[in-house]
Protein backbone atom coordinates (compact mmCIF):
# COMPACT_ATOMS: atom_id res chain seq x y z
CA MET A 1 195.23 -82.58 -57.96
CA ASN A 2 198.34 -84.11 -58.71
CA ASN A 3 201.68 -82.32 -58.92
CA THR A 4 201.68 -81.78 -62.67
CA GLN A 5 198.58 -79.73 -62.47
CA THR A 6 199.80 -77.68 -59.28
CA LEU A 7 203.34 -77.02 -61.06
CA LEU A 8 201.54 -75.99 -64.23
CA GLY A 9 199.23 -73.72 -62.58
CA THR A 10 201.99 -72.04 -60.53
CA LEU A 11 204.08 -71.76 -63.70
CA ILE A 12 200.83 -69.80 -65.67
CA LEU A 13 199.99 -67.83 -62.32
CA GLY A 14 203.67 -66.96 -62.09
CA SER A 15 203.99 -65.97 -65.70
CA ILE A 16 200.92 -63.84 -65.93
CA LEU A 17 202.38 -61.92 -62.69
CA THR A 18 205.68 -61.68 -64.07
CA PHE A 19 204.51 -60.11 -67.41
CA GLY A 20 202.06 -58.03 -65.60
CA PHE A 21 204.54 -56.35 -63.58
CA TYR A 22 206.77 -55.90 -66.33
CA GLY A 23 204.11 -54.29 -68.20
CA VAL A 24 203.53 -51.88 -65.43
CA PHE A 25 207.15 -51.30 -65.18
CA VAL A 26 207.58 -50.64 -68.85
CA ASN A 27 204.43 -48.23 -68.99
CA ALA A 28 205.63 -46.25 -65.97
CA GLN A 29 209.09 -45.52 -67.67
CA ASP A 30 207.58 -44.82 -70.95
CA SER A 31 205.06 -42.47 -69.43
CA GLU A 32 205.93 -39.04 -70.89
CA THR A 33 207.16 -36.27 -68.82
CA TYR A 34 207.50 -32.91 -69.91
CA VAL A 35 211.05 -32.05 -68.39
CA LYS A 36 210.86 -28.18 -68.59
CA ASP A 37 214.01 -26.32 -68.80
CA ASP A 38 213.87 -22.88 -67.33
CA LEU A 39 216.22 -21.06 -69.81
CA TYR A 40 214.36 -22.58 -72.55
CA ILE A 41 211.05 -21.38 -71.28
CA GLU A 42 212.40 -17.89 -70.27
CA GLU A 43 213.93 -17.43 -73.62
CA CYS A 44 211.72 -19.03 -75.80
CA GLY A 45 208.42 -19.04 -74.10
CA ALA A 46 208.74 -15.02 -73.72
CA CYS A 47 207.14 -14.52 -77.35
CA HIS A 48 205.41 -17.82 -78.01
CA LEU A 49 204.28 -21.17 -76.18
CA ALA A 50 207.77 -23.09 -75.36
CA TYR A 51 206.87 -26.20 -77.33
CA ALA A 52 207.58 -29.49 -75.77
CA PRO A 53 210.89 -30.82 -77.36
CA ALA A 54 209.26 -33.91 -77.95
CA LEU A 55 206.80 -32.17 -80.69
CA MET A 56 209.68 -31.99 -83.17
CA PRO A 57 212.44 -34.38 -84.26
CA HIS A 58 216.31 -33.41 -83.39
CA GLN A 59 216.60 -32.37 -87.23
CA SER A 60 213.94 -29.58 -86.79
CA TRP A 61 215.27 -28.10 -83.69
CA VAL A 62 218.79 -27.93 -85.17
CA GLY A 63 217.32 -26.03 -88.40
CA ILE A 64 215.46 -23.81 -85.93
CA MET A 65 218.54 -23.14 -83.63
CA GLN A 66 220.70 -22.51 -86.61
CA GLY A 67 218.22 -19.84 -88.05
CA LEU A 68 217.62 -17.57 -84.86
CA GLU A 69 218.65 -14.38 -86.41
CA ASP A 70 215.58 -14.92 -88.87
CA HIS A 71 213.32 -17.02 -86.43
CA PHE A 72 210.06 -16.65 -88.80
CA GLY A 73 210.57 -13.06 -89.56
CA GLU A 74 212.06 -12.38 -85.57
CA ASN A 75 215.82 -11.88 -84.29
CA ALA A 76 215.77 -14.52 -81.73
CA GLU A 77 219.44 -14.82 -81.55
CA LEU A 78 221.07 -16.08 -78.13
CA ASP A 79 224.43 -15.71 -76.69
CA ALA A 80 226.39 -18.67 -77.18
CA GLU A 81 226.30 -20.30 -73.61
CA GLY A 82 222.21 -20.16 -73.80
CA SER A 83 222.16 -21.29 -77.44
CA ALA A 84 224.54 -24.39 -76.39
CA HIS A 85 222.22 -25.25 -73.33
CA ILE A 86 219.04 -24.69 -75.12
CA SER A 87 220.21 -26.95 -78.14
CA LYS A 88 221.52 -29.73 -75.95
CA TYR A 89 218.13 -29.48 -73.88
CA LEU A 90 216.15 -29.95 -77.36
CA ALA A 91 218.52 -32.79 -78.65
CA GLN A 92 218.00 -34.79 -75.18
CA TYR A 93 214.07 -34.53 -75.34
CA ALA A 94 213.22 -34.24 -79.22
CA LEU A 95 210.88 -36.46 -80.82
CA GLY A 96 212.03 -39.76 -81.59
CA THR A 97 214.88 -40.00 -78.88
CA GLY A 98 213.15 -42.12 -76.54
CA GLY A 99 210.47 -45.01 -76.68
CA PRO A 100 206.98 -44.76 -78.17
CA SER A 101 204.86 -42.05 -76.81
CA THR A 102 201.71 -40.24 -77.57
CA MET A 103 203.90 -37.60 -79.41
CA SER A 104 205.62 -40.38 -81.46
CA GLN A 105 202.73 -40.16 -83.75
CA LEU A 106 204.10 -36.85 -85.09
CA ALA A 107 206.92 -38.77 -86.71
CA ARG A 108 204.55 -40.58 -89.20
CA ASN A 109 205.36 -39.84 -93.02
CA LEU A 110 207.79 -36.89 -92.02
CA PRO A 111 209.54 -36.30 -95.18
CA GLN A 112 213.26 -36.51 -95.62
CA ASN A 113 213.77 -32.74 -94.40
CA ALA A 114 211.23 -32.41 -91.37
CA PRO A 115 209.56 -29.10 -91.48
CA LEU A 116 210.58 -26.40 -88.99
CA ARG A 117 206.95 -26.23 -87.78
CA VAL A 118 205.04 -28.83 -86.21
CA THR A 119 201.99 -27.37 -87.94
CA GLU A 120 203.37 -28.70 -91.16
CA PHE A 121 204.16 -32.15 -90.31
CA PRO A 122 201.56 -34.55 -92.25
CA ALA A 123 200.41 -36.18 -89.02
CA PHE A 124 199.70 -32.83 -87.43
CA LEU A 125 197.66 -32.11 -90.41
CA ASP A 126 195.91 -35.53 -90.51
CA ALA A 127 194.91 -35.02 -86.84
CA HIS A 128 193.67 -31.64 -87.26
CA ASP A 129 191.72 -32.43 -90.54
CA VAL A 130 188.52 -32.82 -88.40
CA VAL A 131 188.48 -29.21 -87.20
CA LYS A 132 188.97 -27.97 -90.63
CA GLN A 133 185.97 -30.04 -91.74
CA GLN A 134 184.05 -29.01 -88.70
CA LEU A 135 184.87 -25.21 -89.42
CA GLU A 136 183.96 -25.78 -93.38
CA MET A 137 187.14 -24.52 -94.42
CA GLN A 138 189.22 -25.35 -97.62
CA GLU A 139 192.56 -24.09 -96.21
CA TRP A 140 194.08 -22.93 -93.02
CA PRO A 141 194.52 -19.17 -92.78
CA ASP A 142 198.13 -18.37 -92.01
CA GLY A 143 198.91 -19.00 -88.26
CA PHE A 144 195.53 -20.59 -87.51
CA LEU A 145 196.82 -23.74 -85.79
CA SER A 146 199.83 -21.73 -84.28
CA PRO A 147 198.25 -20.82 -80.79
CA CYS A 148 197.82 -24.28 -79.43
CA ARG A 149 196.40 -22.88 -76.18
CA ASP A 150 193.47 -21.81 -77.91
CA CYS A 151 192.29 -25.43 -77.99
CA HIS A 152 194.97 -27.05 -75.99
CA HIS A 153 194.50 -25.44 -72.31
CA GLN A 154 197.32 -27.54 -70.97
CA ALA A 155 199.62 -27.19 -73.81
CA ALA A 156 202.24 -25.62 -71.81
CA ASP A 157 202.56 -29.07 -70.19
CA ALA A 158 202.77 -30.80 -73.43
CA ARG A 159 199.08 -32.23 -72.91
CA PHE A 160 197.48 -32.37 -76.12
CA GLU A 161 195.02 -35.27 -75.73
CA LYS A 162 191.57 -35.23 -77.44
CA GLU A 163 190.06 -35.91 -74.28
CA LEU A 164 191.34 -32.27 -72.88
CA LEU A 165 189.80 -30.49 -75.59
CA HIS A 166 186.55 -28.70 -74.71
CA PRO A 167 183.65 -27.90 -77.16
CA GLY A 168 183.51 -24.41 -78.33
CA TYR A 169 187.13 -23.33 -77.74
CA GLY A 170 189.45 -22.38 -80.25
CA PRO A 171 191.11 -19.75 -82.30
CA SER A 172 188.80 -16.69 -82.97
CA PHE A 173 189.43 -16.01 -86.42
CA PRO A 174 187.04 -14.37 -88.84
CA SER A 175 185.02 -16.65 -91.08
CA SER A 176 187.15 -18.96 -93.32
CA PRO A 177 188.44 -17.87 -96.75
CA ASN A 178 186.61 -20.36 -98.68
């Protein structure tokens, strides 16, 4: 082997190792960690799943926080300090504020004014269309997709991967309204 071949081999190996370590580092930084907030879980989780902020964009969370006096038919108002704290938390960890993530697929095809319910997001509906087909339903009954924990047993930890679903689990609703 001559010096040119040795140098070339060293450069190639060095490049592979550099890009490999860089990829591991970047993926470790981008890995999703659901940062939980005690006040958010206490206040919002008292009535329903305290949804991971990364499930919806900031715009949706602002709409929800501004409408707590009529939060889907319930009064969920908070004191000013609690509201400010939770709003800041939601803004910090909302969908789209960081890099690519498994939740970022929910941002696909969002309308200009994002819905206030994740169950109305186009990508959410697309991802759950297979369930509708399997259950031979034409339309979703009201609230059918809302209890995430029925199918996603780790929803409280923001774990929604398909690999974590178990066949035979899900909402126990009466027959579909075909």
